[in-house]
Amino acid sequence: MTKDVVAPPGGVMTDEVGTITGELTLEPKVGKDGTVTLRAQYKGAEEWYTVTGARIKVPDPGDDAAVDRAAQDLLARFIP
């Protein structure tokens, strides 16, 4: 699931390149350990960046409902 957004005032802080601004695509990714991490890219670009501090650990990565809730919670930080 990806969402296209315009970065909020001040941009979106990433671990790799600092603040990014403008039209972005956001995507939650689930790791094998159950950590849901939000990634961002400039809309239409190939490179993805990890959004700083945007991680939620779910107890069971096989629990699709919990993973979906975590992904929605992360996306809600940037989508009104």
PDB file of N, CA and C in Angstrom:
ATOM      1  N   MET A   1       0.843  -1.156   0.000  1.00  0.00           N
ATOM      2  CA  MET A   1       0.000   0.000   0.000  1.00  0.00           C
ATOM      3  C   MET A   1       0.898   1.233   0.000  1.00  0.00           C
ATOM      4  N   THR A   2       0.707   2.099  -0.970  1.00  0.00           N
ATOM      5  CA  THR A   2       1.439   3.363  -1.021  1.00  0.00           C
ATOM      6  C   THR A   2       0.447   4.509  -1.049  1.00  0.00           C
ATOM      7  N   LYS A   3       0.900   5.659  -0.590  1.00  0.00           N
ATOM      8  CA  LYS A   3       0.080   6.868  -0.583  1.00  0.00           C
ATOM      9  C   LYS A   3       0.922   8.022  -1.110  1.00  0.00           C
ATOM     10  N   ASP A   4       0.358   8.773  -2.036  1.00  0.00           N
ATOM     11  CA  ASP A   4       1.008   9.985  -2.518  1.00  0.00           C
ATOM     12  C   ASP A   4       0.547  11.153  -1.664  1.00  0.00           C
ATOM     13  N   VAL A   5       1.501  11.973  -1.215  1.00  0.00           N
ATOM     14  CA  VAL A   5       1.200  13.115  -0.355  1.00  0.00           C
ATOM     15  C   VAL A   5       2.106  14.281  -0.733  1.00  0.00           C
ATOM     16  N   VAL A   6       1.742  15.447  -0.254  1.00  0.00           N
ATOM     17  CA  VAL A   6       2.643  16.598  -0.281  1.00  0.00           C
ATOM     18  C   VAL A   6       3.214  16.688   1.121  1.00  0.00           C
ATOM     19  N   ALA A   7       4.522  16.799   1.217  1.00  0.00           N
ATOM     20  CA  ALA A   7       5.171  16.843   2.531  1.00  0.00           C
ATOM     21  C   ALA A   7       4.593  17.976   3.373  1.00  0.00           C
ATOM     22  N   PRO A   8       4.429  17.734   4.670  1.00  0.00           N
ATOM     23  CA  PRO A   8       3.926  18.789   5.553  1.00  0.00           C
ATOM     24  C   PRO A   8       4.959  19.917   5.677  1.00  0.00           C
ATOM     25  N   PRO A   9       4.558  21.063   6.232  1.00  0.00           N
ATOM     26  CA  PRO A   9       5.526  22.146   6.438  1.00  0.00           C
ATOM     27  C   PRO A   9       6.742  21.627   7.211  1.00  0.00           C
ATOM     28  N   GLY A  10       7.919  21.931   6.734  1.00  0.00           N
ATOM     29  CA  GLY A  10       9.145  21.453   7.367  1.00  0.00           C
ATOM     30  C   GLY A  10       9.648  20.159   6.764  1.00  0.00           C
ATOM     31  N   GLY A  11       8.828  19.515   5.930  1.00  0.00           N
ATOM     32  CA  GLY A  11       9.252  18.312   5.231  1.00  0.00           C
ATOM     33  C   GLY A  11       9.162  17.054   6.078  1.00  0.00           C
ATOM     34  N   VAL A  12       9.738  15.991   5.550  1.00  0.00           N
ATOM     35  CA  VAL A  12       9.767  14.681   6.206  1.00  0.00           C
ATOM     36  C   VAL A  12      11.233  14.318   6.443  1.00  0.00           C
ATOM     37  N   MET A  13      11.587  14.060   7.706  1.00  0.00           N
ATOM     38  CA  MET A  13      12.966  13.704   8.049  1.00  0.00           C
ATOM     39  C   MET A  13      13.216  12.239   7.730  1.00  0.00           C
ATOM     40  N   THR A  14      14.341  11.977   7.051  1.00  0.00           N
ATOM     41  CA  THR A  14      14.722  10.598   6.724  1.00  0.00           C
ATOM     42  C   THR A  14      16.073  10.272   7.332  1.00  0.00           C
ATOM     43  N   ASP A  15      16.310   8.994   7.549  1.00  0.00           N
ATOM     44  CA  ASP A  15      17.585   8.550   8.119  1.00  0.00           C
ATOM     45  C   ASP A  15      18.739   8.757   7.147  1.00  0.00           C
ATOM     46  N   GLU A  16      18.473   8.592   5.863  1.00  0.00           N
ATOM     47  CA  GLU A  16      19.550   8.563   4.882  1.00  0.00           C
ATOM     48  C   GLU A  16      19.982   9.940   4.367  1.00  0.00           C
ATOM     49  N   VAL A  17      19.014  10.833   4.101  1.00  0.00           N
ATOM     50  CA  VAL A  17      19.364  12.096   3.433  1.00  0.00           C
ATOM     51  C   VAL A  17      18.837  13.337   4.146  1.00  0.00           C
ATOM     52  N   GLY A  18      18.325  13.187   5.350  1.00  0.00           N
ATOM     53  CA  GLY A  18      17.776  14.333   6.051  1.00  0.00           C
ATOM     54  C   GLY A  18      16.362  14.643   5.585  1.00  0.00           C
ATOM     55  N   THR A  19      16.015  15.914   5.533  1.00  0.00           N
ATOM     56  CA  THR A  19      14.657  16.333   5.220  1.00  0.00           C
ATOM     57  C   THR A  19      14.392  16.293   3.722  1.00  0.00           C
ATOM     58  N   ILE A  20      13.228  15.740   3.360  1.00  0.00           N
ATOM     59  CA  ILE A  20      12.770  15.785   1.978  1.00  0.00           C
ATOM     60  C   ILE A  20      11.431  16.519   1.948  1.00  0.00           C
ATOM     61  N   THR A  21      11.188  17.213   0.847  1.00  0.00           N
ATOM     62  CA  THR A  21       9.990  18.038   0.724  1.00  0.00           C
ATOM     63  C   THR A  21       9.329  17.811  -0.624  1.00  0.00           C
ATOM     64  N   GLY A  22       8.167  18.383  -0.792  1.00  0.00           N
ATOM     65  CA  GLY A  22       7.490  18.318  -2.084  1.00  0.00           C
ATOM     66  C   GLY A  22       6.554  17.134  -2.184  1.00  0.00           C
ATOM     67  N   GLU A  23       6.328  16.680  -3.412  1.00  0.00           N
ATOM     68  CA  GLU A  23       5.434  15.549  -3.656  1.00  0.00           C
ATOM     69  C   GLU A  23       6.174  14.254  -3.361  1.00  0.00           C
ATOM     70  N   LEU A  24       5.592  13.467  -2.458  1.00  0.00           N
ATOM     71  CA  LEU A  24       6.229  12.238  -1.990  1.00  0.00           C
ATOM     72  C   LEU A  24       5.279  11.056  -2.110  1.00  0.00           C
ATOM     73  N   THR A  25       5.864   9.880  -2.149  1.00  0.00           N
ATOM     74  CA  THR A  25       5.113   8.634  -2.008  1.00  0.00           C
ATOM     75  C   THR A  25       5.563   7.994  -0.706  1.00  0.00           C
ATOM     76  N   LEU A  26       4.597   7.594   0.124  1.00  0.00           N
ATOM     77  CA  LEU A  26       4.881   6.928   1.398  1.00  0.00           C
ATOM     78  C   LEU A  26       4.474   5.467   1.289  1.00  0.00           C
ATOM     79  N   GLU A  27       5.289   4.593   1.900  1.00  0.00           N
ATOM     80  CA  GLU A  27       5.002   3.162   1.851  1.00  0.00           C
ATOM     81  C   GLU A  27       5.441   2.489   3.145  1.00  0.00           C
ATOM     82  N   PRO A  28       4.518   1.833   3.861  1.00  0.00           N
ATOM     83  CA  PRO A  28       4.918   1.035   5.015  1.00  0.00           C
ATOM     84  C   PRO A  28       5.454  -0.318   4.540  1.00  0.00           C
ATOM     85  N   LYS A  29       6.549  -0.757   5.140  1.00  0.00           N
ATOM     86  CA  LYS A  29       7.140  -2.063   4.824  1.00  0.00           C
ATOM     87  C   LYS A  29       7.224  -2.874   6.115  1.00  0.00           C
ATOM     88  N   VAL A  30       6.965  -4.177   6.001  1.00  0.00           N
ATOM     89  CA  VAL A  30       6.988  -5.063   7.163  1.00  0.00           C
ATOM     90  C   VAL A  30       8.244  -5.914   7.111  1.00  0.00           C
ATOM     91  N   GLY A  31       9.019  -5.883   8.199  1.00  0.00           N
ATOM     92  CA  GLY A  31      10.206  -6.712   8.305  1.00  0.00           C
ATOM     93  C   GLY A  31       9.861  -8.077   8.862  1.00  0.00           C
ATOM     94  N   LYS A  32      10.767  -9.015   8.708  1.00  0.00           N
ATOM     95  CA  LYS A  32      10.548 -10.384   9.208  1.00  0.00           C
ATOM     96  C   LYS A  32      10.370 -10.427  10.719  1.00  0.00           C
ATOM     97  N   ASP A  33      10.929  -9.421  11.414  1.00  0.00           N
ATOM     98  CA  ASP A  33      10.818  -9.384  12.877  1.00  0.00           C
ATOM     99  C   ASP A  33       9.529  -8.717  13.354  1.00  0.00           C
ATOM    100  N   GLY A  34       8.666  -8.305  12.410  1.00  0.00           N
ATOM    101  CA  GLY A  34       7.409  -7.687  12.782  1.00  0.00           C
ATOM    102  C   GLY A  34       7.459  -6.178  12.902  1.00  0.00           C
ATOM    103  N   THR A  35       8.572  -5.580  12.522  1.00  0.00           N
ATOM    104  CA  THR A  35       8.669  -4.126  12.557  1.00  0.00           C
ATOM    105  C   THR A  35       8.111  -3.546  11.269  1.00  0.00           C
ATOM    106  N   VAL A  36       7.136  -2.666  11.420  1.00  0.00           N
ATOM    107  CA  VAL A  36       6.567  -1.959  10.273  1.00  0.00           C
ATOM    108  C   VAL A  36       7.282  -0.608  10.209  1.00  0.00           C
ATOM    109  N   THR A  37       7.917  -0.334   9.086  1.00  0.00           N
ATOM    110  CA  THR A  37       8.712   0.880   8.897  1.00  0.00           C
ATOM    111  C   THR A  37       8.137   1.683   7.749  1.00  0.00           C
ATOM    112  N   LEU A  38       8.029   2.985   7.935  1.00  0.00           N
ATOM    113  CA  LEU A  38       7.531   3.848   6.873  1.00  0.00           C
ATOM    114  C   LEU A  38       8.694   4.335   6.021  1.00  0.00           C
ATOM    115  N   ARG A  39       8.527   4.183   4.709  1.00  0.00           N
ATOM    116  CA  ARG A  39       9.530   4.658   3.757  1.00  0.00           C
ATOM    117  C   ARG A  39       8.923   5.781   2.930  1.00  0.00           C
ATOM    118  N   ALA A  40       9.789   6.638   2.384  1.00  0.00           N
ATOM    119  CA  ALA A  40       9.332   7.738   1.542  1.00  0.00           C
ATOM    120  C   ALA A  40      10.247   7.864   0.339  1.00  0.00           C
ATOM    121  N   GLN A  41       9.668   8.342  -0.739  1.00  0.00           N
ATOM    122  CA  GLN A  41      10.449   8.637  -1.931  1.00  0.00           C
ATOM    123  C   GLN A  41       9.839   9.869  -2.594  1.00  0.00           C
ATOM    124  N   TYR A  42      10.684  10.578  -3.351  1.00  0.00           N
ATOM    125  CA  TYR A  42      10.129  11.629  -4.184  1.00  0.00           C
ATOM    126  C   TYR A  42       9.228  10.954  -5.207  1.00  0.00           C
ATOM    127  N   LYS A  43       8.056  11.526  -5.436  1.00  0.00           N
ATOM    128  CA  LYS A  43       7.088  10.917  -6.340  1.00  0.00           C
ATOM    129  C   LYS A  43       7.739  10.652  -7.697  1.00  0.00           C
ATOM    130  N   GLY A  44       7.659   9.392  -8.135  1.00  0.00           N
ATOM    131  CA  GLY A  44       8.202   8.985  -9.421  1.00  0.00           C
ATOM    132  C   GLY A  44       9.669   8.584  -9.398  1.00  0.00           C
ATOM    133  N   ALA A  45      10.343   8.750  -8.260  1.00  0.00           N
ATOM    134  CA  ALA A  45      11.762   8.389  -8.158  1.00  0.00           C
ATOM    135  C   ALA A  45      11.913   6.900  -7.861  1.00  0.00           C
ATOM    136  N   GLU A  46      13.128   6.409  -7.940  1.00  0.00           N
ATOM    137  CA  GLU A  46      13.392   5.003  -7.632  1.00  0.00           C
ATOM    138  C   GLU A  46      13.890   4.797  -6.209  1.00  0.00           C
ATOM    139  N   GLU A  47      14.593   5.782  -5.647  1.00  0.00           N
ATOM    140  CA  GLU A  47      15.198   5.631  -4.330  1.00  0.00           C
ATOM    141  C   GLU A  47      14.166   5.794  -3.218  1.00  0.00           C
ATOM    142  N   TRP A  48      14.240   4.897  -2.236  1.00  0.00           N
ATOM    143  CA  TRP A  48      13.395   4.967  -1.045  1.00  0.00           C
ATOM    144  C   TRP A  48      14.252   5.354   0.143  1.00  0.00           C
ATOM    145  N   TYR A  49      13.676   6.110   1.076  1.00  0.00           N
ATOM    146  CA  TYR A  49      14.346   6.534   2.295  1.00  0.00           C
ATOM    147  C   TYR A  49      13.497   6.144   3.502  1.00  0.00           C
ATOM    148  N   THR A  50      14.151   5.800   4.593  1.00  0.00           N
ATOM    149  CA  THR A  50      13.456   5.447   5.828  1.00  0.00           C
ATOM    150  C   THR A  50      13.067   6.720   6.570  1.00  0.00           C
ATOM    151  N   VAL A  51      11.783   6.852   6.905  1.00  0.00           N
ATOM    152  CA  VAL A  51      11.315   8.012   7.650  1.00  0.00           C
ATOM    153  C   VAL A  51      11.791   7.874   9.103  1.00  0.00           C
ATOM    154  N   THR A  52      12.518   8.862   9.571  1.00  0.00           N
ATOM    155  CA  THR A  52      13.102   8.842  10.904  1.00  0.00           C
ATOM    156  C   THR A  52      12.022   8.675  11.980  1.00  0.00           C
ATOM    157  N   GLY A  53      12.210   7.688  12.836  1.00  0.00           N
ATOM    158  CA  GLY A  53      11.306   7.459  13.961  1.00  0.00           C
ATOM    159  C   GLY A  53       9.970   6.837  13.600  1.00  0.00           C
ATOM    160  N   ALA A  54       9.775   6.464  12.350  1.00  0.00           N
ATOM    161  CA  ALA A  54       8.477   5.929  11.920  1.00  0.00           C
ATOM    162  C   ALA A  54       8.530   4.407  11.853  1.00  0.00           C
ATOM    163  N   ARG A  55       8.560   3.795  13.039  1.00  0.00           N
ATOM    164  CA  ARG A  55       8.598   2.337  13.151  1.00  0.00           C
ATOM    165  C   ARG A  55       7.633   1.899  14.245  1.00  0.00           C
ATOM    166  N   ILE A  56       6.938   0.812  13.979  1.00  0.00           N
ATOM    167  CA  ILE A  56       6.071   0.205  14.986  1.00  0.00           C
ATOM    168  C   ILE A  56       6.313  -1.297  14.948  1.00  0.00           C
ATOM    169  N   LYS A  57       6.581  -1.870  16.111  1.00  0.00           N
ATOM    170  CA  LYS A  57       6.796  -3.320  16.209  1.00  0.00           C
ATOM    171  C   LYS A  57       5.475  -3.988  16.564  1.00  0.00           C
ATOM    172  N   VAL A  58       5.095  -4.986  15.769  1.00  0.00           N
ATOM    173  CA  VAL A  58       3.902  -5.771  16.093  1.00  0.00           C
ATOM    174  C   VAL A  58       4.368  -7.110  16.647  1.00  0.00           C
ATOM    175  N   PRO A  59       3.647  -7.655  17.631  1.00  0.00           N
ATOM    176  CA  PRO A  59       4.081  -8.894  18.278  1.00  0.00           C
ATOM    177  C   PRO A  59       4.178 -10.075  17.315  1.00  0.00           C
ATOM    178  N   ASP A  60       3.243 -10.158  16.368  1.00  0.00           N
ATOM    179  CA  ASP A  60       3.206 -11.290  15.449  1.00  0.00           C
ATOM    180  C   ASP A  60       3.146 -10.766  14.020  1.00  0.00           C
ATOM    181  N   PRO A  61       4.249 -10.859  13.262  1.00  0.00           N
ATOM    182  CA  PRO A  61       4.243 -10.349  11.892  1.00  0.00           C
ATOM    183  C   PRO A  61       3.253 -11.080  10.988  1.00  0.00           C
ATOM    184  N   GLY A  62       2.758 -12.214  11.423  1.00  0.00           N
ATOM    185  CA  GLY A  62       1.761 -12.955  10.665  1.00  0.00           C
ATOM    186  C   GLY A  62       0.335 -12.480  10.926  1.00  0.00           C
ATOM    187  N   ASP A  63       0.171 -11.588  11.892  1.00  0.00           N
ATOM    188  CA  ASP A  63      -1.148 -11.043  12.227  1.00  0.00           C
ATOM    189  C   ASP A  63      -1.430  -9.873  11.279  1.00  0.00           C
ATOM    190  N   ASP A  64      -2.096 -10.166  10.182  1.00  0.00           N
ATOM    191  CA  ASP A  64      -2.335  -9.162   9.143  1.00  0.00           C
ATOM    192  C   ASP A  64      -3.088  -7.943   9.668  1.00  0.00           C
ATOM    193  N   ALA A  65      -4.024  -8.148  10.578  1.00  0.00           N
ATOM    194  CA  ALA A  65      -4.792  -7.028  11.126  1.00  0.00           C
ATOM    195  C   ALA A  65      -3.891  -6.092  11.925  1.00  0.00           C
ATOM    196  N   ALA A  66      -2.995  -6.644  12.734  1.00  0.00           N
ATOM    197  CA  ALA A  66      -2.085  -5.819  13.530  1.00  0.00           C
ATOM    198  C   ALA A  66      -1.101  -5.072  12.631  1.00  0.00           C
ATOM    199  N   VAL A  67      -0.611  -5.741  11.609  1.00  0.00           N
ATOM    200  CA  VAL A  67       0.304  -5.105  10.661  1.00  0.00           C
ATOM    201  C   VAL A  67      -0.410  -3.969   9.932  1.00  0.00           C
ATOM    202  N   ASP A  68      -1.646  -4.200   9.517  1.00  0.00           N
ATOM    203  CA  ASP A  68      -2.411  -3.168   8.824  1.00  0.00           C
ATOM    204  C   ASP A  68      -2.661  -1.971   9.735  1.00  0.00           C
ATOM    205  N   ARG A  69      -3.000  -2.213  10.998  1.00  0.00           N
ATOM    206  CA  ARG A  69      -3.214  -1.112  11.945  1.00  0.00           C
ATOM    207  C   ARG A  69      -1.938  -0.296  12.122  1.00  0.00           C
ATOM    208  N   ALA A  70      -0.805  -0.979  12.244  1.00  0.00           N
ATOM    209  CA  ALA A  70       0.476  -0.282  12.402  1.00  0.00           C
ATOM    210  C   ALA A  70       0.771   0.557  11.159  1.00  0.00           C
ATOM    211  N   ALA A  71       0.546  -0.007   9.985  1.00  0.00           N
ATOM    212  CA  ALA A  71       0.782   0.728   8.743  1.00  0.00           C
ATOM    213  C   ALA A  71      -0.124   1.954   8.661  1.00  0.00           C
ATOM    214  N   GLN A  72      -1.392   1.791   9.012  1.00  0.00           N
ATOM    215  CA  GLN A  72      -2.331   2.919   8.987  1.00  0.00           C
ATOM    216  C   GLN A  72      -1.922   3.989   9.999  1.00  0.00           C
ATOM    217  N   ASP A  73      -1.456   3.566  11.176  1.00  0.00           N
ATOM    218  CA  ASP A  73      -1.008   4.530  12.190  1.00  0.00           C
ATOM    219  C   ASP A  73       0.174   5.345  11.680  1.00  0.00           C
ATOM    220  N   LEU A  74       1.120   4.693  11.014  1.00  0.00           N
ATOM    221  CA  LEU A  74       2.277   5.403  10.476  1.00  0.00           C
ATOM    222  C   LEU A  74       1.857   6.378   9.381  1.00  0.00           C
ATOM    223  N   LEU A  75       1.009   5.928   8.473  1.00  0.00           N
ATOM    224  CA  LEU A  75       0.556   6.798   7.392  1.00  0.00           C
ATOM    225  C   LEU A  75      -0.241   7.990   7.925  1.00  0.00           C
ATOM    226  N   ALA A  76      -1.008   7.767   8.983  1.00  0.00           N
ATOM    227  CA  ALA A  76      -1.850   8.835   9.559  1.00  0.00           C
ATOM    228  C   ALA A  76      -1.023  10.007  10.073  1.00  0.00           C
ATOM    229  N   ARG A  77       0.254   9.783  10.345  1.00  0.00           N
ATOM    230  CA  ARG A  77       1.110  10.882  10.798  1.00  0.00           C
ATOM    231  C   ARG A  77       1.284  11.934   9.703  1.00  0.00           C
ATOM    232  N   PHE A  78       1.073  11.539   8.453  1.00  0.00           N
ATOM    233  CA  PHE A  78       1.332  12.437   7.319  1.00  0.00           C
ATOM    234  C   PHE A  78       0.117  12.707   6.470  1.00  0.00           C
ATOM    235  N   ILE A  79      -0.961  11.952   6.681  1.00  0.00           N
ATOM    236  CA  ILE A  79      -2.164  12.107   5.862  1.00  0.00           C
ATOM    237  C   ILE A  79      -3.307  12.533   6.780  1.00  0.00           C
ATOM    238  N   PRO A  80      -3.858  13.709   6.546  1.00  0.00           N
ATOM    239  CA  PRO A  80      -4.952  14.165   7.427  1.00  0.00           C
ATOM    240  C   PRO A  80      -6.207  13.319   7.268  1.00  0.00           C
TER     241      PRO A  80
END
